[in-house]
Amino acid sequence: MVAPNSHTFAVITGGGTSGHVVPAIAIAELLEEGGHAMSSLHYIGSDRGIESTMMPAFGMAHTLLSVDGFQRGLSVAKIKRNVLMVPTMLRALRKSKAILQQLNPQVVISVGGYASIPACRAARSLGIPVVACSYDRMPGLATRLQSRYAHLCAIAYEPSQLRNAVLTGAPVRREVRQADLTSLRAEARRSLGIDLQARVVLVMGGSLGSAVLNRATEYLVKSLRGTEHTCVIHIAGERFMDAVALPEVMHHENGAIAYQRIAYSHDMISLYAASDVVVCRAGASTIAEISTVGICSVIIPWKDAAENHQLINAQWLTNHQGAVLLEEGDLTQHSFAQTITELLRDDEQRIRIAQRARELGKVHRQSTIVQEIDRVAKAKRR
């Protein structure tokens, strides 16, 4: 925990996964660009989530609470966690209320997830206005509940059934919003040791990795072995690094890199800039990023996502020719490799898809979320 600031403008709350924490950091950056000092911002999240490492690295004042979410399923372990969740949430609510009383922020901003529940409930009880941010096309349960009393719901996509919804675009990290992939391409490839003329595929399965995408990537790499001007960069996820039946680095006969596997990357801009095609899941942050930078992508939504929200996210791009959709239930290793190989061979199609994605991403690059947050905060001061 970083010591609270007595002149706090906003508390940002949520977390548990990078899908929540990345938007929280993006909102902090946007607020800073809008004239609010980083020292006037505070984050409240979960000590179980990825924010426990991401927030200290970011350098924002933060408080991490012991908090847990509802577990779907009837296993003994999940039932036990759900029983224990109630007293855990009550303790987190009391702590959140004490923190908000000390900080006295003008507004509380929720990025959703179970970690946002205590601070938002505490804000409501203290009369502090809440701004709920919905960057999925299908809002999560916490966001839907918060929308009932939020002063504003900042949405990334229309239409929305949320109360007091205003289209602001999705919060995207500064480095992504400002990236010019074309100008960065040559240097990104040199830094990664990739041939400047190669056709490059980036495969990423989300912050936890994807066994489905990893197996398909193995087949793709083997199918491309005879093609010397190709390269596959594979973000496999920490838990899958040793489960992939390929060496971590492979080279073509001419010495060029054919395949490289990493667990995670903190420099996604270089990877986007170096790539011709991105293969990915359809988490909200991923969809917002690939449309913001404008890159050709093949999207494979996770079929077990709650309420199939990843498919709905993906369709915002794929229904408007801004990406190629492959549904996991219909996916075969052959269709995976064939789709990507055809894109690598067709420069014009890749360019059309990338340009359309960038056109759609304008709403994120020019996000108005700060103006809306300021409007809510000013209304409180009156």
Protein backbone atom coordinates (compact mmCIF):
# COMPACT_ATOMS: atom_id res chain seq x y z
CA MET A 1 0.00 0.00 0.00
CA VAL A 2 1.24 3.48 -0.90
CA ALA A 3 0.36 6.25 1.59
CA PRO A 4 -2.91 8.00 0.61
CA ASN A 5 -2.86 11.57 -0.64
CA SER A 6 -5.07 14.05 1.22
CA HIS A 7 -5.90 15.94 -2.01
CA THR A 8 -7.35 13.11 -4.05
CA PHE A 9 -9.34 13.89 -7.18
CA ALA A 10 -10.36 10.34 -8.07
CA VAL A 11 -10.25 6.79 -6.79
CA ILE A 12 -10.10 4.16 -9.53
CA THR A 13 -11.27 0.73 -8.46
CA GLY A 14 -11.52 -2.77 -9.94
CA GLY A 15 -9.13 -5.48 -10.93
CA GLY A 16 -8.36 -9.14 -10.54
CA THR A 17 -7.13 -9.63 -14.10
CA SER A 18 -5.13 -7.55 -16.58
CA GLY A 19 -8.41 -7.06 -18.46
CA HIS A 20 -9.44 -4.78 -15.59
CA VAL A 21 -6.09 -3.41 -14.46
CA VAL A 22 -4.92 -2.25 -17.91
CA PRO A 23 -8.01 -0.03 -18.37
CA ALA A 24 -7.50 1.32 -14.83
CA ILE A 25 -3.94 2.36 -15.71
CA ALA A 26 -5.16 3.78 -19.02
CA ILE A 27 -7.73 5.94 -17.23
CA ALA A 28 -5.05 7.21 -14.85
CA GLU A 29 -2.90 8.20 -17.83
CA LEU A 30 -5.83 9.92 -19.53
CA LEU A 31 -6.65 11.84 -16.35
CA GLU A 32 -3.03 12.91 -16.06
CA GLU A 33 -3.11 14.14 -19.66
CA GLY A 34 -6.31 15.99 -18.79
CA GLY A 35 -4.58 18.02 -16.09
CA HIS A 36 -4.93 15.84 -12.99
CA ALA A 37 -1.66 15.08 -11.24
CA MET A 38 -0.91 11.40 -10.77
CA SER A 39 -0.49 12.18 -7.06
CA SER A 40 -4.20 13.11 -6.96
CA LEU A 41 -5.24 9.60 -8.05
CA HIS A 42 -5.57 6.45 -5.96
CA TYR A 43 -6.32 2.86 -6.91
CA ILE A 44 -8.23 0.29 -4.85
CA GLY A 45 -8.02 -3.34 -5.99
CA SER A 46 -7.54 -6.92 -4.85
CA ASP A 47 -4.45 -8.39 -3.23
CA ARG A 48 -5.18 -11.62 -5.14
CA GLY A 49 -5.09 -10.07 -8.60
CA ILE A 50 -2.44 -9.11 -11.11
CA GLU A 51 -2.63 -5.53 -9.83
CA SER A 52 -0.37 -6.65 -6.96
CA THR A 53 2.51 -6.55 -9.45
CA MET A 54 1.21 -4.13 -12.10
CA MET A 55 0.36 -1.22 -9.79
CA PRO A 56 3.71 -1.05 -7.97
CA ALA A 57 5.43 -1.12 -11.36
CA PHE A 58 3.18 1.69 -12.60
CA GLY A 59 3.90 3.80 -9.54
CA MET A 60 0.37 4.92 -8.69
CA ALA A 61 -0.78 5.22 -5.06
CA HIS A 62 -2.82 2.14 -4.29
CA THR A 63 -4.55 0.03 -1.66
CA LEU A 64 -5.04 -3.69 -2.19
CA LEU A 65 -7.77 -5.37 -0.18
CA SER A 66 -8.51 -8.99 0.63
CA VAL A 67 -11.55 -9.52 -1.58
CA ASP A 68 -12.97 -12.42 -3.57
CA GLY A 69 -15.58 -12.89 -6.27
CA PHE A 70 -18.46 -15.30 -6.71
CA GLN A 71 -17.39 -18.72 -7.99
CA ARG A 72 -19.58 -20.40 -10.60
CA GLY A 73 -19.93 -24.16 -10.16
CA LEU A 74 -20.82 -26.71 -7.49
CA SER A 75 -17.46 -28.12 -6.46
CA VAL A 76 -16.70 -28.29 -2.75
CA ALA A 77 -13.84 -25.80 -3.12
CA LYS A 78 -16.02 -23.26 -4.94
CA ILE A 79 -18.90 -23.60 -2.48
CA LYS A 80 -16.45 -23.04 0.39
CA ARG A 81 -15.04 -19.92 -1.28
CA ASN A 82 -18.54 -18.54 -1.82
CA VAL A 83 -19.44 -19.06 1.85
CA LEU A 84 -16.27 -17.27 2.94
CA MET A 85 -16.82 -14.51 0.39
CA VAL A 86 -19.54 -12.78 2.44
CA PRO A 87 -17.47 -11.90 5.54
CA THR A 88 -14.50 -11.13 3.29
CA MET A 89 -16.58 -8.64 1.30
CA LEU A 90 -17.96 -7.04 4.46
CA ARG A 91 -14.44 -6.46 5.80
CA ALA A 92 -13.38 -5.01 2.44
CA LEU A 93 -16.42 -2.72 2.48
CA ARG A 94 -15.50 -1.36 5.92
CA LYS A 95 -11.90 -0.78 4.84
CA SER A 96 -13.01 0.89 1.59
CA LYS A 97 -15.30 3.22 3.48
CA ALA A 98 -12.48 4.23 5.83
CA ILE A 99 -10.13 4.87 2.89
CA LEU A 100 -12.70 6.99 1.05
CA GLN A 101 -13.42 9.00 4.19
CA GLN A 102 -9.71 9.70 4.52
CA LEU A 103 -9.13 10.52 0.85
CA ASN A 104 -12.45 12.32 0.25
CA PRO A 105 -12.25 11.97 -3.57
CA GLN A 106 -14.49 13.94 -5.87
CA VAL A 107 -15.37 10.81 -7.83
CA VAL A 108 -14.92 7.02 -7.76
CA ILE A 109 -14.29 5.35 -11.14
CA SER A 110 -15.04 1.65 -11.53
CA VAL A 111 -13.37 -0.53 -14.15
CA GLY A 112 -15.49 -3.51 -13.06
CA GLY A 113 -14.73 -6.94 -11.69
CA TYR A 114 -15.33 -8.24 -8.17
CA ALA A 115 -12.58 -5.99 -6.80
CA SER A 116 -14.63 -2.90 -7.63
CA ILE A 117 -17.61 -3.87 -5.48
CA PRO A 118 -16.45 -2.72 -2.00
CA ALA A 119 -15.24 0.75 -3.03
CA CYS A 120 -18.31 1.45 -5.16
CA ARG A 121 -20.69 0.42 -2.39
CA ALA A 122 -18.73 2.53 0.06
CA ALA A 123 -18.85 5.51 -2.32
CA ARG A 124 -22.59 5.15 -2.64
CA SER A 125 -23.06 5.13 1.14
CA LEU A 126 -20.87 8.25 1.48
CA GLY A 127 -22.55 10.18 -1.33
CA ILE A 128 -19.47 10.15 -3.59
CA PRO A 129 -20.46 9.99 -7.29
CA VAL A 130 -19.54 6.83 -9.19
CA VAL A 131 -18.55 6.57 -12.86
CA ALA A 132 -18.86 2.99 -14.16
CA CYS A 133 -16.68 2.17 -17.18
CA SER A 134 -17.98 -0.51 -19.55
CA TYR A 135 -15.39 -1.47 -22.18
CA ASP A 136 -16.93 -4.88 -22.99
CA ARG A 137 -19.83 -4.84 -25.42
CA MET A 138 -21.66 -7.03 -22.88
CA PRO A 139 -21.05 -5.49 -19.44
CA GLY A 140 -20.04 -7.75 -16.57
CA LEU A 141 -22.21 -8.36 -13.53
CA ALA A 142 -20.42 -5.85 -11.29
CA THR A 143 -20.80 -3.10 -13.90
CA ARG A 144 -24.48 -3.89 -14.44
CA LEU A 145 -25.13 -3.65 -10.70
CA GLN A 146 -23.15 -0.41 -10.38
CA SER A 147 -24.98 1.15 -13.32
CA ARG A 148 -28.15 1.24 -11.19
CA TYR A 149 -26.71 3.98 -9.00
CA ALA A 150 -23.76 5.34 -11.03
CA HIS A 151 -23.96 9.00 -12.02
CA LEU A 152 -22.58 8.01 -15.42
CA CYS A 153 -21.76 4.85 -17.39
CA ALA A 154 -18.87 5.50 -19.78
CA ILE A 155 -19.33 2.98 -22.60
CA ALA A 156 -16.96 1.94 -25.37
CA TYR A 157 -19.64 0.73 -27.79
CA GLU A 158 -23.22 1.52 -28.70
CA PRO A 159 -25.97 0.54 -28.19
CA SER A 160 -26.04 0.01 -24.42
CA GLN A 161 -28.77 -0.93 -21.97
CA LEU A 162 -26.88 0.62 -19.06
CA ARG A 163 -28.44 3.54 -17.25
CA ASN A 164 -26.97 7.03 -17.94
CA ALA A 165 -24.77 5.61 -20.72
CA VAL A 166 -22.48 7.97 -22.64
CA LEU A 167 -20.24 6.85 -25.52
CA THR A 168 -16.63 7.70 -24.61
CA GLY A 169 -14.59 4.95 -26.27
CA ALA A 170 -12.49 2.43 -24.37
CA PRO A 171 -9.62 3.56 -22.11
CA VAL A 172 -6.37 2.59 -23.88
CA ARG A 173 -2.79 2.97 -22.64
CA ARG A 174 -0.95 6.10 -23.77
CA GLU A 175 1.78 4.21 -25.62
CA VAL A 176 -0.87 2.40 -27.68
CA ARG A 177 -2.88 5.53 -28.49
CA GLN A 178 0.22 7.37 -29.65
CA ALA A 179 1.89 4.52 -31.55
CA ASP A 180 2.66 4.84 -35.27
CA LEU A 181 3.37 1.23 -36.20
CA THR A 182 4.72 2.05 -39.66
CA SER A 183 7.47 4.34 -38.34
CA LEU A 184 8.34 1.88 -35.56
CA ARG A 185 8.41 -1.24 -37.73
CA ALA A 186 12.07 -1.37 -38.80
CA GLU A 187 13.50 -0.63 -35.36
CA ALA A 188 11.08 -3.08 -33.69
CA ARG A 189 12.21 -5.87 -36.01
CA ARG A 190 15.89 -5.08 -35.53
CA SER A 191 15.48 -5.13 -31.74
CA LEU A 192 13.72 -8.51 -31.93
CA GLY A 193 16.24 -9.97 -34.38
CA ILE A 194 13.63 -10.44 -37.12
CA ASP A 195 14.39 -10.12 -40.84
CA LEU A 196 13.03 -6.83 -42.21
CA GLN A 197 11.46 -8.64 -45.18
CA ALA A 198 9.84 -11.46 -43.20
CA ARG A 199 6.10 -12.02 -42.87
CA VAL A 200 5.50 -12.03 -39.12
CA VAL A 201 2.67 -13.57 -37.11
CA LEU A 202 2.11 -12.67 -33.46
CA VAL A 203 0.02 -15.21 -31.50
CA MET A 204 -1.16 -14.27 -28.02
CA GLY A 205 -3.66 -16.06 -25.83
CA GLY A 206 -4.39 -13.42 -23.22
CA SER A 207 -2.68 -12.77 -19.89
CA LEU A 208 -3.04 -16.42 -18.80
CA GLY A 209 -2.29 -18.00 -22.16
CA SER A 210 -4.45 -20.41 -24.17
CA ALA A 211 -3.89 -24.13 -24.60
CA VAL A 212 -6.12 -24.07 -27.71
CA LEU A 213 -4.09 -21.35 -29.43
CA ASN A 214 -0.83 -22.95 -28.33
CA ARG A 215 -1.67 -26.27 -29.99
CA ALA A 216 -2.78 -24.54 -33.16
CA THR A 217 0.42 -22.49 -33.18
CA GLU A 218 2.55 -25.65 -33.04
CA TYR A 219 0.82 -26.86 -36.21
CA LEU A 220 1.23 -23.45 -37.87
CA VAL A 221 4.96 -23.32 -37.15
CA LYS A 222 5.48 -26.81 -38.58
CA SER A 223 3.48 -25.90 -41.70
CA LEU A 224 5.63 -22.80 -42.26
CA ARG A 225 9.00 -24.52 -41.78
CA GLY A 226 9.66 -24.61 -45.51
CA THR A 227 8.90 -20.90 -45.92
CA GLU A 228 12.08 -19.05 -45.03
CA HIS A 229 10.60 -15.55 -45.02
CA THR A 230 8.15 -16.13 -42.17
CA CYS A 231 8.39 -15.74 -38.41
CA VAL A 232 6.00 -16.64 -35.59
CA ILE A 233 6.22 -14.80 -32.26
CA HIS A 234 4.30 -16.79 -29.66
CA ILE A 235 3.19 -15.37 -26.30
CA ALA A 236 2.31 -18.66 -24.66
CA GLY A 237 1.64 -17.63 -21.05
CA GLU A 238 3.84 -18.49 -18.07
CA ARG A 239 1.96 -21.70 -17.20
CA PHE A 240 2.30 -23.05 -20.76
CA MET A 241 5.95 -22.28 -21.50
CA ASP A 242 7.06 -25.87 -20.92
CA ALA A 243 3.88 -27.46 -22.31
CA VAL A 244 4.51 -26.45 -25.92
CA ALA A 245 6.30 -29.17 -27.88
CA LEU A 246 8.61 -26.78 -29.72
CA PRO A 247 12.00 -25.30 -28.83
CA GLU A 248 11.70 -21.78 -27.44
CA VAL A 249 13.62 -20.46 -30.46
CA MET A 250 13.81 -21.98 -33.94
CA HIS A 251 15.63 -20.80 -37.03
CA HIS A 252 15.21 -21.32 -40.75
CA GLU A 253 18.07 -22.87 -42.70
CA ASN A 254 19.20 -19.40 -43.73
CA GLY A 255 19.66 -18.48 -40.04
CA ALA A 256 16.60 -16.20 -39.76
CA ILE A 257 14.30 -16.62 -36.77
CA ALA A 258 11.37 -18.89 -37.62
CA TYR A 259 9.77 -19.09 -34.20
CA GLN A 260 10.21 -17.54 -30.75
CA ARG A 261 8.16 -18.31 -27.64
CA ILE A 262 7.89 -16.01 -24.64
CA ALA A 263 5.70 -16.11 -21.53
CA TYR A 264 4.66 -12.46 -21.49
CA SER A 265 5.74 -9.12 -22.90
CA HIS A 266 5.78 -5.66 -21.36
CA ASP A 267 6.53 -4.12 -24.76
CA MET A 268 3.46 -4.87 -26.86
CA ILE A 269 4.05 -1.85 -29.09
CA SER A 270 7.26 -3.36 -30.48
CA LEU A 271 5.49 -6.67 -31.06
CA TYR A 272 2.54 -4.99 -32.81
CA ALA A 273 4.91 -2.89 -34.92
CA ALA A 274 6.96 -5.93 -35.95
CA SER A 275 3.91 -8.01 -36.93
CA ASP A 276 1.90 -8.41 -40.12
CA VAL A 277 -0.87 -10.48 -38.54
CA VAL A 278 -1.96 -10.71 -34.90
CA VAL A 279 -3.82 -13.81 -33.68
CA CYS A 280 -5.62 -13.20 -30.41
CA ARG A 281 -8.54 -13.76 -28.08
CA ALA A 282 -11.28 -11.14 -27.81
CA GLY A 283 -10.87 -9.59 -24.38
CA ALA A 284 -12.05 -5.99 -24.29
CA SER A 285 -8.55 -4.51 -23.91
CA THR A 286 -7.19 -6.58 -26.80
CA ILE A 287 -10.01 -5.52 -29.14
CA ALA A 288 -9.52 -1.88 -28.16
CA GLU A 289 -5.75 -2.06 -28.68
CA ILE A 290 -5.71 -3.74 -32.10
CA SER A 291 -8.29 -1.28 -33.41
CA THR A 292 -6.49 1.69 -31.87
CA VAL A 293 -3.17 0.85 -33.56
CA GLY A 294 -4.81 -0.51 -36.72
CA ILE A 295 -3.41 -3.97 -37.43
CA CYS A 296 -4.65 -7.01 -39.32
CA SER A 297 -5.90 -9.61 -36.87
CA VAL A 298 -7.42 -13.07 -36.66
CA ILE A 299 -9.66 -13.21 -33.61
CA ILE A 300 -10.55 -16.48 -31.87
CA PRO A 301 -12.95 -15.68 -28.99
CA TRP A 302 -12.74 -17.86 -25.91
CA LYS A 303 -15.85 -20.02 -26.18
CA ASP A 304 -16.27 -20.41 -22.41
CA ALA A 305 -16.25 -16.68 -21.63
CA ALA A 306 -19.18 -15.60 -19.44
CA GLU A 307 -22.30 -15.03 -21.57
CA ASN A 308 -20.10 -15.52 -24.66
CA HIS A 309 -19.04 -11.88 -24.32
CA GLN A 310 -15.76 -12.41 -26.21
CA LEU A 311 -17.63 -13.32 -29.39
CA ILE A 312 -19.74 -10.18 -29.00
CA ASN A 313 -16.55 -8.12 -28.53
CA ALA A 314 -14.97 -9.64 -31.63
CA GLN A 315 -17.99 -8.99 -33.82
CA TRP A 316 -17.59 -5.23 -33.39
CA LEU A 317 -14.52 -5.62 -35.63
CA THR A 318 -15.30 -8.71 -37.68
CA ASN A 319 -18.83 -7.64 -38.71
CA HIS A 320 -17.30 -4.49 -40.19
CA GLN A 321 -14.35 -6.14 -42.01
CA GLY A 322 -11.90 -4.94 -39.36
CA ALA A 323 -10.67 -8.45 -38.49
CA VAL A 324 -11.09 -12.11 -39.41
CA LEU A 325 -13.21 -14.26 -37.09
CA LEU A 326 -12.50 -17.92 -36.33
CA GLU A 327 -14.85 -19.40 -33.74
CA GLU A 328 -13.20 -21.83 -31.35
CA GLY A 329 -15.97 -24.42 -31.66
CA ASP A 330 -15.33 -24.71 -35.42
CA LEU A 331 -11.55 -24.36 -35.23
CA THR A 332 -9.23 -27.00 -36.64
CA GLN A 333 -5.47 -26.81 -36.81
CA HIS A 334 -5.69 -26.91 -40.59
CA SER A 335 -8.22 -24.07 -40.86
CA PHE A 336 -6.11 -22.03 -38.42
CA ALA A 337 -2.92 -22.45 -40.44
CA GLN A 338 -4.69 -21.98 -43.78
CA THR A 339 -6.35 -18.71 -42.74
CA ILE A 340 -3.10 -17.20 -41.49
CA THR A 341 -1.05 -18.44 -44.44
CA GLU A 342 -3.51 -16.91 -46.89
CA LEU A 343 -3.33 -13.56 -45.09
CA LEU A 344 0.48 -13.62 -45.12
CA ARG A 345 0.37 -14.08 -48.90
CA ASP A 346 -2.20 -11.34 -49.55
CA ASP A 347 -0.70 -7.90 -48.86
CA GLU A 348 -3.76 -6.02 -50.13
CA GLN A 349 -6.19 -7.89 -47.89
CA ARG A 350 -4.03 -7.34 -44.82
CA ILE A 351 -3.82 -3.62 -45.55
CA ARG A 352 -7.59 -3.34 -46.05
CA ILE A 353 -8.30 -5.11 -42.76
CA ALA A 354 -5.75 -3.01 -40.87
CA GLN A 355 -7.10 0.25 -42.31
CA ARG A 356 -10.68 -0.66 -41.45
CA ALA A 357 -9.65 -1.63 -37.89
CA ARG A 358 -7.94 1.74 -37.46
CA GLU A 359 -11.01 3.59 -38.75
CA LEU A 360 -13.12 1.82 -36.14
CA GLY A 361 -10.52 2.52 -33.45
CA LYS A 362 -10.88 6.30 -33.77
CA VAL A 363 -13.45 6.26 -30.94
CA HIS A 364 -10.76 4.86 -28.61
CA ARG A 365 -7.90 7.09 -29.77
CA GLN A 366 -10.09 10.13 -29.17
CA SER A 367 -11.70 8.98 -25.93
CA THR A 368 -13.83 11.57 -24.12
CA ILE A 369 -13.87 9.73 -20.81
CA VAL A 370 -11.91 12.44 -18.97
CA GLN A 371 -14.40 15.14 -19.96
CA GLU A 372 -17.24 13.00 -18.65
CA ILE A 373 -15.44 12.21 -15.38
CA ASP A 374 -14.71 15.93 -14.89
CA ARG A 375 -18.36 16.75 -15.53
CA VAL A 376 -19.49 14.34 -12.81
CA ALA A 377 -16.86 15.64 -10.37
CA LYS A 378 -17.85 19.27 -10.98
CA ALA A 379 -21.50 18.45 -10.40
CA LYS A 380 -20.55 17.09 -6.95
CA ARG A 381 -18.69 20.29 -6.01
CA ARG A 382 -21.82 22.32 -6.68
